[in-house]
Amino acid sequence: MNEMPNNHMFLQADEEIINHEQFEDMRDLLEEDFADLIQVYLTDSQQRVALLRNAQQTNDNANGFEIAHALKGASANLGTTQLVNLSTQLQSLCRDHRISEQAELIENIATALQRAKQEIHQRLGQ
């Protein structure tokens, strides 16, 4: 029997936080509007994490799926790789009606967001 370990909910230490090429492509594309995009992204993402916590506590798989989907899309635009991967995992688990068991995964999403925020500020020299 070949059982996979249940470690899909953990951040991978060697996984990049932000895809450099994707981040720089978006910066080049938006030029002076990039800083505004970053601020909106960080604010919206923090609100989404709070909404995910609420969805988890109320066992709201449909809402959890939609929030995770929105977070994944916004994160993909900036190349925040860990957030994309974790949001994808949460979407899948919501599809399986398992959000009530995902407090740890949601906290990992919150941690990945903080790491992304730190790296973004570092890249922008803030």
C-alpha atoms as a PDB file:
ATOM      1  CA  MET A   1       0.000   0.000   0.000  1.00  0.00           C
ATOM      2  CA  ASN A   2       1.419   3.345  -1.049  1.00  0.00           C
ATOM      3  CA  GLU A   3      -0.027   6.025   1.212  1.00  0.00           C
ATOM      4  CA  MET A   4       0.824   9.628   0.590  1.00  0.00           C
ATOM      5  CA  PRO A   5       1.727  11.624   3.682  1.00  0.00           C
ATOM      6  CA  ASN A   6      -0.793  14.241   4.708  1.00  0.00           C
ATOM      7  CA  ASN A   7       1.631  17.132   4.322  1.00  0.00           C
ATOM      8  CA  HIS A   8      -0.154  18.926   1.515  1.00  0.00           C
ATOM      9  CA  MET A   9      -1.203  21.656   3.930  1.00  0.00           C
ATOM     10  CA  PHE A  10       2.256  22.807   4.846  1.00  0.00           C
ATOM     11  CA  LEU A  11       4.407  25.453   3.258  1.00  0.00           C
ATOM     12  CA  GLN A  12       7.391  24.030   1.474  1.00  0.00           C
ATOM     13  CA  ALA A  13      10.581  25.630   2.757  1.00  0.00           C
ATOM     14  CA  ASP A  14      12.212  25.491  -0.661  1.00  0.00           C
ATOM     15  CA  GLU A  15       9.183  26.810  -2.540  1.00  0.00           C
ATOM     16  CA  GLU A  16       9.632  30.305  -3.913  1.00  0.00           C
ATOM     17  CA  ILE A  17       7.468  32.965  -2.319  1.00  0.00           C
ATOM     18  CA  ILE A  18       7.230  35.084  -5.466  1.00  0.00           C
ATOM     19  CA  ASN A  19       8.019  34.191  -9.049  1.00  0.00           C
ATOM     20  CA  HIS A  20      10.554  36.891  -9.962  1.00  0.00           C
ATOM     21  CA  GLU A  21       9.823  36.946 -13.698  1.00  0.00           C
ATOM     22  CA  GLN A  22       6.068  37.189 -13.281  1.00  0.00           C
ATOM     23  CA  PHE A  23       6.382  39.892 -10.611  1.00  0.00           C
ATOM     24  CA  GLU A  24       8.726  41.991 -12.766  1.00  0.00           C
ATOM     25  CA  ASP A  25       6.559  41.518 -15.876  1.00  0.00           C
ATOM     26  CA  MET A  26       3.581  42.920 -13.965  1.00  0.00           C
ATOM     27  CA  ARG A  27       5.688  45.787 -12.637  1.00  0.00           C
ATOM     28  CA  ASP A  28       6.872  46.632 -16.164  1.00  0.00           C
ATOM     29  CA  LEU A  29       3.340  46.404 -17.532  1.00  0.00           C
ATOM     30  CA  LEU A  30       1.737  48.666 -14.931  1.00  0.00           C
ATOM     31  CA  GLU A  31       4.671  51.049 -14.369  1.00  0.00           C
ATOM     32  CA  GLU A  32       3.533  53.832 -11.990  1.00  0.00           C
ATOM     33  CA  ASP A  33       0.237  52.045 -11.213  1.00  0.00           C
ATOM     34  CA  PHE A  34       2.099  49.024  -9.810  1.00  0.00           C
ATOM     35  CA  ALA A  35       2.374  50.424  -6.282  1.00  0.00           C
ATOM     36  CA  ASP A  36      -1.386  50.983  -6.210  1.00  0.00           C
ATOM     37  CA  LEU A  37      -1.995  47.414  -7.389  1.00  0.00           C
ATOM     38  CA  ILE A  38       0.258  46.090  -4.622  1.00  0.00           C
ATOM     39  CA  GLN A  39      -1.597  48.066  -1.951  1.00  0.00           C
ATOM     40  CA  VAL A  40      -5.004  46.880  -3.193  1.00  0.00           C
ATOM     41  CA  TYR A  41      -3.759  43.291  -3.474  1.00  0.00           C
ATOM     42  CA  LEU A  42      -2.388  43.240   0.081  1.00  0.00           C
ATOM     43  CA  THR A  43      -5.500  44.862   1.579  1.00  0.00           C
ATOM     44  CA  ASP A  44      -7.892  42.603  -0.348  1.00  0.00           C
ATOM     45  CA  SER A  45      -5.865  39.488   0.457  1.00  0.00           C
ATOM     46  CA  GLN A  46      -5.872  40.241   4.180  1.00  0.00           C
ATOM     47  CA  GLN A  47      -9.649  40.686   4.030  1.00  0.00           C
ATOM     48  CA  ARG A  48      -9.965  37.407   2.145  1.00  0.00           C
ATOM     49  CA  VAL A  49      -7.993  35.564   4.825  1.00  0.00           C
ATOM     50  CA  ALA A  50     -10.424  36.902   7.440  1.00  0.00           C
ATOM     51  CA  LEU A  51     -13.339  35.769   5.257  1.00  0.00           C
ATOM     52  CA  LEU A  52     -11.731  32.331   4.852  1.00  0.00           C
ATOM     53  CA  ARG A  53     -11.457  32.005   8.627  1.00  0.00           C
ATOM     54  CA  ASN A  54     -15.149  32.843   8.919  1.00  0.00           C
ATOM     55  CA  ALA A  55     -16.092  30.389   6.158  1.00  0.00           C
ATOM     56  CA  GLN A  56     -14.085  27.683   7.918  1.00  0.00           C
ATOM     57  CA  GLN A  57     -15.758  28.367  11.263  1.00  0.00           C
ATOM     58  CA  THR A  58     -19.236  28.328   9.713  1.00  0.00           C
ATOM     59  CA  ASN A  59     -18.506  25.331   7.449  1.00  0.00           C
ATOM     60  CA  ASP A  60     -19.316  27.406   4.350  1.00  0.00           C
ATOM     61  CA  ASN A  61     -17.637  25.411   1.582  1.00  0.00           C
ATOM     62  CA  ALA A  62     -19.235  27.368  -1.284  1.00  0.00           C
ATOM     63  CA  ASN A  63     -18.078  30.731   0.037  1.00  0.00           C
ATOM     64  CA  GLY A  64     -14.679  29.297   0.987  1.00  0.00           C
ATOM     65  CA  PHE A  65     -14.259  28.006  -2.557  1.00  0.00           C
ATOM     66  CA  GLU A  66     -15.113  31.409  -4.071  1.00  0.00           C
ATOM     67  CA  ILE A  67     -12.802  33.304  -1.716  1.00  0.00           C
ATOM     68  CA  ALA A  68      -9.943  30.862  -2.306  1.00  0.00           C
ATOM     69  CA  HIS A  69     -10.539  31.164  -6.058  1.00  0.00           C
ATOM     70  CA  ALA A  70     -10.388  34.971  -5.922  1.00  0.00           C
ATOM     71  CA  LEU A  71      -7.230  34.879  -3.800  1.00  0.00           C
ATOM     72  CA  LYS A  72      -5.639  32.397  -6.178  1.00  0.00           C
ATOM     73  CA  GLY A  73      -6.380  34.574  -9.203  1.00  0.00           C
ATOM     74  CA  ALA A  74      -5.088  37.773  -7.646  1.00  0.00           C
ATOM     75  CA  SER A  75      -1.990  35.959  -6.388  1.00  0.00           C
ATOM     76  CA  ALA A  76      -1.336  34.416  -9.792  1.00  0.00           C
ATOM     77  CA  ASN A  77      -1.282  37.874 -11.371  1.00  0.00           C
ATOM     78  CA  LEU A  78       1.591  38.903  -9.093  1.00  0.00           C
ATOM     79  CA  GLY A  79       3.347  35.558  -9.095  1.00  0.00           C
ATOM     80  CA  THR A  80       2.947  34.923  -5.362  1.00  0.00           C
ATOM     81  CA  THR A  81       3.544  31.216  -5.834  1.00  0.00           C
ATOM     82  CA  GLN A  82       2.925  29.939  -2.304  1.00  0.00           C
ATOM     83  CA  LEU A  83      -0.429  31.704  -2.106  1.00  0.00           C
ATOM     84  CA  VAL A  84      -1.474  30.291  -5.463  1.00  0.00           C
ATOM     85  CA  ASN A  85      -0.574  26.757  -4.375  1.00  0.00           C
ATOM     86  CA  LEU A  86      -2.230  26.981  -0.962  1.00  0.00           C
ATOM     87  CA  SER A  87      -5.363  28.605  -2.383  1.00  0.00           C
ATOM     88  CA  THR A  88      -5.573  25.847  -4.980  1.00  0.00           C
ATOM     89  CA  GLN A  89      -5.387  23.246  -2.195  1.00  0.00           C
ATOM     90  CA  LEU A  90      -8.130  24.990  -0.236  1.00  0.00           C
ATOM     91  CA  GLN A  91     -10.351  25.207  -3.320  1.00  0.00           C
ATOM     92  CA  SER A  92     -10.025  21.473  -3.815  1.00  0.00           C
ATOM     93  CA  LEU A  93     -10.836  20.752  -0.187  1.00  0.00           C
ATOM     94  CA  CYS A  94     -13.873  23.059  -0.329  1.00  0.00           C
ATOM     95  CA  ARG A  95     -15.040  21.160  -3.402  1.00  0.00           C
ATOM     96  CA  ASP A  96     -14.833  18.023  -1.233  1.00  0.00           C
ATOM     97  CA  HIS A  97     -16.848  19.783   1.523  1.00  0.00           C
ATOM     98  CA  ARG A  98     -13.927  19.766   3.945  1.00  0.00           C
ATOM     99  CA  ILE A  99     -13.442  23.445   4.832  1.00  0.00           C
ATOM    100  CA  SER A 100     -14.409  22.822   8.454  1.00  0.00           C
ATOM    101  CA  GLU A 101     -11.173  20.808   8.845  1.00  0.00           C
ATOM    102  CA  GLN A 102      -8.925  23.456   7.274  1.00  0.00           C
ATOM    103  CA  ALA A 103      -8.066  25.917  10.060  1.00  0.00           C
ATOM    104  CA  GLU A 104      -4.391  24.991   9.765  1.00  0.00           C
ATOM    105  CA  LEU A 105      -4.349  25.434   5.992  1.00  0.00           C
ATOM    106  CA  ILE A 106      -5.994  28.846   6.324  1.00  0.00           C
ATOM    107  CA  GLU A 107      -3.349  29.864   8.870  1.00  0.00           C
ATOM    108  CA  ASN A 108      -0.706  28.686   6.389  1.00  0.00           C
ATOM    109  CA  ILE A 109      -2.336  30.961   3.809  1.00  0.00           C
ATOM    110  CA  ALA A 110      -2.119  33.844   6.298  1.00  0.00           C
ATOM    111  CA  THR A 111       1.570  33.054   6.884  1.00  0.00           C
ATOM    112  CA  ALA A 112       2.248  32.864   3.136  1.00  0.00           C
ATOM    113  CA  LEU A 113       0.567  36.251   2.715  1.00  0.00           C
ATOM    114  CA  GLN A 114       2.824  37.774   5.377  1.00  0.00           C
ATOM    115  CA  ARG A 115       5.890  36.281   3.686  1.00  0.00           C
ATOM    116  CA  ALA A 116       4.737  37.624   0.319  1.00  0.00           C
ATOM    117  CA  LYS A 117       4.123  41.060   1.842  1.00  0.00           C
ATOM    118  CA  GLN A 118       7.631  41.116   3.313  1.00  0.00           C
ATOM    119  CA  GLU A 119       9.208  40.062   0.043  1.00  0.00           C
ATOM    120  CA  ILE A 120       7.163  42.562  -1.966  1.00  0.00           C
ATOM    121  CA  HIS A 121       8.235  45.391   0.338  1.00  0.00           C
ATOM    122  CA  GLN A 122      11.832  44.214   0.068  1.00  0.00           C
ATOM    123  CA  ARG A 123      11.641  44.144  -3.739  1.00  0.00           C
ATOM    124  CA  LEU A 124      10.119  47.619  -3.791  1.00  0.00           C
ATOM    125  CA  GLY A 125      12.713  48.946  -1.350  1.00  0.00           C
ATOM    126  CA  GLN A 126      10.153  49.766   1.335  1.00  0.00           C
END
